[in-house]
Amino acid sequence: MIDSKKELSSEQHTLYIEIIPEKKRVINKEKNIYEIRPKHKRYRVYIGRFFELKKGLHSVFNGLREASEKDYLELMINSGGGLVNEGQQFYNLIQEKFYRRTISYLDNKGYSMGALLFCMAEKRVVYEYSDLMFHTYSHGSSGKGGEVKSHVTHTAKKLEQFFYNLIVKQGFLTDEEFRKMVIGQDYWMDTKEMCKRGIATHVIVEGQELTAKEYLKKIKNKKKK
């Protein structure tokens, strides 16, 4: 059951922590072989806009940092994007506490930083009408001329590398597509396109969780009928 004391919220995101009891699965009853998954916690975060103006993400991140190596993270994403800095905080936390134990769900839309967050998980689940969009970052700077120039140059190098590692290194966009994105091209993708590119690994449809390959086969067979 969900411990209400472990429900933590920021302005835009909410964290729920559920205790999952120990589970035993029979492998071979005759040989008395079982697979046991120990008691652990599921950390589920509902993701909104990356734009915290009041109390920030301190309580949510502090709750997530209590996770052990047996726990895992689910990201329920319905986000139009926002501040890259906040998205990078999630990236850092995944690398630190939930590396290879993160599942992202694209619950309706993931644009800009919402799309990048979706790409941070190793298992990425979409629905029939999920929507994703990649585009370049927005940035501003103020100060003396030299300060502005050095700040912009530094930020561009850092953020373009961050975007590149999440999008191109995983094969979601080509190098040429990424170059176009950096200078202003937006890439909008529906469920079919996300499956074809490997962005989505699974699709939930008609009460089932299908692999991306199974989903593409399913819709192809529907067209033949």
Protein backbone atom coordinates (compact mmCIF):
# COMPACT_ATOMS: atom_id res chain seq x y z
CA MET A 1 0.00 0.00 0.00
CA ILE A 2 1.08 3.61 -0.51
CA ASP A 3 2.46 5.31 2.57
CA SER A 4 0.83 8.76 2.48
CA LYS A 5 3.72 10.12 4.55
CA LYS A 6 5.95 9.42 1.56
CA GLU A 7 3.91 11.47 -0.90
CA LEU A 8 6.04 14.48 -1.82
CA SER A 9 5.18 17.31 -4.17
CA SER A 10 6.75 20.30 -5.83
CA GLU A 11 4.75 22.80 -7.90
CA GLN A 12 4.89 20.68 -11.04
CA HIS A 13 5.83 17.13 -9.99
CA THR A 14 4.55 14.61 -7.45
CA LEU A 15 6.41 11.63 -5.99
CA TYR A 16 4.64 8.55 -4.63
CA ILE A 17 6.51 5.75 -2.89
CA GLU A 18 5.01 2.26 -2.78
CA ILE A 19 6.41 -0.66 -0.82
CA ILE A 20 6.43 -3.84 -2.93
CA PRO A 21 6.42 -7.01 -0.76
CA GLU A 22 8.73 -9.97 -1.33
CA LYS A 23 7.57 -12.13 -4.24
CA LYS A 24 8.43 -15.77 -4.90
CA ARG A 25 8.08 -17.29 -8.37
CA VAL A 26 8.29 -21.03 -9.04
CA ILE A 27 11.00 -21.98 -11.54
CA ASN A 28 10.99 -25.75 -11.00
CA LYS A 29 8.70 -27.09 -8.28
CA GLU A 30 10.08 -30.64 -8.44
CA LYS A 31 13.65 -29.44 -7.88
CA ASN A 32 12.47 -26.83 -5.40
CA ILE A 33 13.89 -23.95 -7.44
CA TYR A 34 12.36 -20.53 -6.93
CA GLU A 35 13.09 -16.98 -7.98
CA ILE A 36 12.71 -14.56 -5.09
CA ARG A 37 12.41 -10.82 -5.55
CA PRO A 38 13.07 -9.16 -2.20
CA LYS A 39 10.96 -6.44 -0.65
CA HIS A 40 11.67 -3.12 -2.34
CA LYS A 41 10.19 0.26 -3.17
CA ARG A 42 8.77 1.71 -6.35
CA TYR A 43 9.37 5.44 -6.70
CA ARG A 44 6.83 6.92 -9.11
CA VAL A 45 7.09 10.56 -10.18
CA TYR A 46 4.36 12.35 -12.14
CA ILE A 47 6.13 14.88 -14.34
CA GLY A 48 4.59 18.21 -15.36
CA ARG A 49 6.30 21.36 -16.57
CA PHE A 50 9.97 21.91 -15.71
CA PHE A 51 9.41 25.33 -14.19
CA GLU A 52 9.70 25.41 -10.41
CA LEU A 53 9.45 28.96 -9.08
CA LYS A 54 8.47 28.57 -5.42
CA LYS A 55 9.93 25.74 -3.36
CA GLY A 56 11.90 23.96 -6.06
CA LEU A 57 12.49 20.20 -6.25
CA HIS A 58 14.32 19.73 -2.96
CA SER A 59 11.68 17.58 -1.22
CA VAL A 60 11.13 15.37 -4.29
CA PHE A 61 14.84 14.80 -4.88
CA ASN A 62 15.53 14.25 -1.20
CA GLY A 63 12.84 11.54 -1.19
CA LEU A 64 14.31 9.91 -4.28
CA ARG A 65 17.80 9.91 -2.79
CA GLU A 66 16.55 7.65 -0.01
CA ALA A 67 16.28 4.80 -2.55
CA SER A 68 18.33 1.64 -2.16
CA GLU A 69 19.95 -0.44 -4.90
CA LYS A 70 16.89 -2.76 -4.88
CA ASP A 71 14.41 0.02 -5.65
CA TYR A 72 13.37 1.35 -9.05
CA LEU A 73 11.96 4.53 -10.57
CA GLU A 74 8.94 5.16 -12.80
CA LEU A 75 8.53 8.49 -14.59
CA MET A 76 4.97 9.32 -15.69
CA ILE A 77 5.53 12.08 -18.25
CA ASN A 78 2.94 14.57 -19.47
CA SER A 79 5.13 17.58 -20.05
CA GLY A 80 5.49 20.46 -22.47
CA GLY A 81 9.09 20.96 -21.35
CA GLY A 82 10.69 23.87 -19.51
CA LEU A 83 14.02 24.55 -17.84
CA VAL A 84 16.87 22.31 -19.01
CA ASN A 85 18.61 22.73 -15.64
CA GLU A 86 15.77 20.89 -13.87
CA GLY A 87 15.85 18.10 -16.44
CA GLN A 88 19.58 17.73 -15.89
CA GLN A 89 18.91 17.36 -12.16
CA PHE A 90 16.72 14.35 -12.95
CA TYR A 91 19.46 12.99 -15.22
CA ASN A 92 22.02 13.30 -12.41
CA LEU A 93 19.72 11.57 -9.95
CA ILE A 94 19.04 8.68 -12.35
CA GLN A 95 22.77 8.24 -12.88
CA GLU A 96 23.38 8.29 -9.12
CA LYS A 97 20.47 6.30 -7.65
CA PHE A 98 18.48 4.54 -10.41
CA TYR A 99 21.00 3.64 -13.10
CA ARG A 100 19.46 0.95 -15.36
CA ARG A 101 16.47 0.78 -12.99
CA THR A 102 14.30 3.48 -14.57
CA ILE A 103 11.10 3.10 -16.61
CA SER A 104 9.52 6.08 -18.36
CA TYR A 105 5.90 6.30 -19.50
CA LEU A 106 4.91 8.89 -22.11
CA ASP A 107 1.43 9.61 -20.76
CA ASN A 108 0.15 11.84 -23.57
CA LYS A 109 2.97 14.26 -24.40
CA GLY A 110 6.68 14.81 -23.96
CA TYR A 111 8.03 17.93 -25.65
CA SER A 112 11.48 19.51 -25.36
CA MET A 113 12.84 18.64 -21.87
CA GLY A 114 9.91 16.24 -21.43
CA ALA A 115 11.14 14.30 -24.48
CA LEU A 116 14.71 14.21 -23.18
CA LEU A 117 13.55 12.91 -19.80
CA PHE A 118 11.64 10.14 -21.55
CA CYS A 119 14.87 9.13 -23.33
CA MET A 120 16.80 8.80 -20.05
CA ALA A 121 15.17 5.47 -19.13
CA GLU A 122 16.21 2.08 -20.48
CA LYS A 123 12.57 0.96 -20.77
CA ARG A 124 10.37 3.55 -22.50
CA VAL A 125 6.64 2.93 -22.69
CA VAL A 126 4.12 4.85 -24.82
CA TYR A 127 0.39 4.68 -25.54
CA GLU A 128 -1.48 4.72 -28.85
CA TYR A 129 -1.75 8.51 -28.98
CA SER A 130 1.42 9.56 -27.20
CA ASP A 131 3.20 12.54 -28.71
CA LEU A 132 6.89 13.52 -28.63
CA MET A 133 8.88 16.49 -29.89
CA PHE A 134 12.62 17.18 -30.02
CA HIS A 135 13.92 20.70 -30.53
CA THR A 136 16.90 22.81 -29.51
CA TYR A 137 17.17 24.72 -26.25
CA SER A 138 16.36 28.38 -25.58
CA HIS A 139 18.95 30.46 -23.76
CA GLY A 140 19.52 34.04 -22.68
CA SER A 141 22.39 35.94 -21.10
CA SER A 142 23.07 39.42 -19.78
CA GLY A 143 26.11 41.39 -18.70
CA LYS A 144 29.15 42.89 -20.38
CA GLY A 145 29.85 41.97 -23.99
CA GLY A 146 32.72 39.61 -23.23
CA GLU A 147 30.80 37.96 -20.40
CA VAL A 148 27.77 37.35 -22.61
CA LYS A 149 29.92 35.90 -25.40
CA SER A 150 31.81 33.51 -23.12
CA HIS A 151 28.62 32.45 -21.32
CA VAL A 152 26.76 31.72 -24.54
CA THR A 153 29.71 29.80 -26.01
CA HIS A 154 30.13 27.71 -22.87
CA THR A 155 26.39 26.97 -22.53
CA ALA A 156 26.02 26.03 -26.20
CA LYS A 157 28.88 23.54 -25.97
CA LYS A 158 27.58 21.98 -22.77
CA LEU A 159 23.90 21.70 -23.77
CA GLU A 160 24.54 20.51 -27.32
CA GLN A 161 26.68 17.69 -25.93
CA PHE A 162 23.97 16.81 -23.40
CA PHE A 163 21.30 16.72 -26.10
CA TYR A 164 23.57 14.79 -28.48
CA ASN A 165 24.31 12.07 -25.93
CA LEU A 166 20.64 11.50 -25.17
CA ILE A 167 19.30 11.69 -28.71
CA VAL A 168 21.95 10.83 -31.30
CA LYS A 169 24.14 8.37 -29.40
CA GLN A 170 21.03 6.26 -28.78
CA GLY A 171 20.12 6.40 -32.47
CA PHE A 172 16.93 8.43 -32.14
CA LEU A 173 18.06 11.13 -34.60
CA THR A 174 20.83 11.00 -37.20
CA ASP A 175 23.79 13.39 -37.05
CA GLU A 176 22.30 15.32 -39.96
CA GLU A 177 18.90 15.57 -38.26
CA PHE A 178 20.60 16.76 -35.08
CA ARG A 179 22.50 19.49 -36.95
CA LYS A 180 19.17 20.70 -38.35
CA MET A 181 17.61 20.55 -34.88
CA VAL A 182 20.36 22.72 -33.38
CA ILE A 183 19.63 25.49 -35.90
CA GLY A 184 15.87 25.36 -35.41
CA GLN A 185 14.24 22.23 -36.87
CA ASP A 186 11.51 20.63 -34.70
CA TYR A 187 10.92 16.88 -34.86
CA TRP A 188 7.38 15.75 -34.02
CA MET A 189 6.74 12.03 -33.61
CA ASP A 190 3.70 9.86 -33.07
CA THR A 191 3.67 6.38 -31.56
CA LYS A 192 4.48 4.60 -34.82
CA GLU A 193 7.48 6.82 -35.52
CA MET A 194 8.80 6.44 -31.98
CA CYS A 195 8.62 2.66 -32.33
CA LYS A 196 10.36 2.69 -35.71
CA ARG A 197 13.22 4.81 -34.36
CA GLY A 198 13.62 2.81 -31.15
CA ILE A 199 12.62 5.74 -28.96
CA ALA A 200 9.71 3.70 -27.59
CA THR A 201 10.55 0.17 -26.45
CA HIS A 202 6.98 -0.82 -25.52
CA VAL A 203 3.39 0.24 -26.26
CA ILE A 204 0.33 -0.24 -24.05
CA VAL A 205 -2.72 -0.97 -26.19
CA GLU A 206 -5.98 -2.85 -25.59
CA GLY A 207 -4.90 -3.86 -22.09
CA GLN A 208 -1.58 -5.31 -23.21
CA GLU A 209 2.02 -4.18 -23.08
CA LEU A 210 3.54 -4.97 -26.48
CA THR A 211 7.12 -4.55 -27.58
CA ALA A 212 7.66 -1.86 -30.22
CA LYS A 213 8.25 -4.59 -32.80
CA GLU A 214 5.01 -6.37 -31.86
CA TYR A 215 3.07 -3.10 -32.07
CA LEU A 216 4.41 -2.26 -35.53
CA LYS A 217 3.47 -5.75 -36.71
CA LYS A 218 0.00 -5.36 -35.20
CA ILE A 219 -0.79 -2.09 -36.97
CA LYS A 220 0.65 -3.44 -40.22
CA ASN A 221 -1.66 -6.45 -40.05
CA LYS A 222 -4.64 -4.17 -39.31
CA LYS A 223 -3.99 -2.26 -42.54
CA LYS A 224 -4.01 -5.50 -44.54
CA LYS A 225 -7.52 -6.43 -43.35
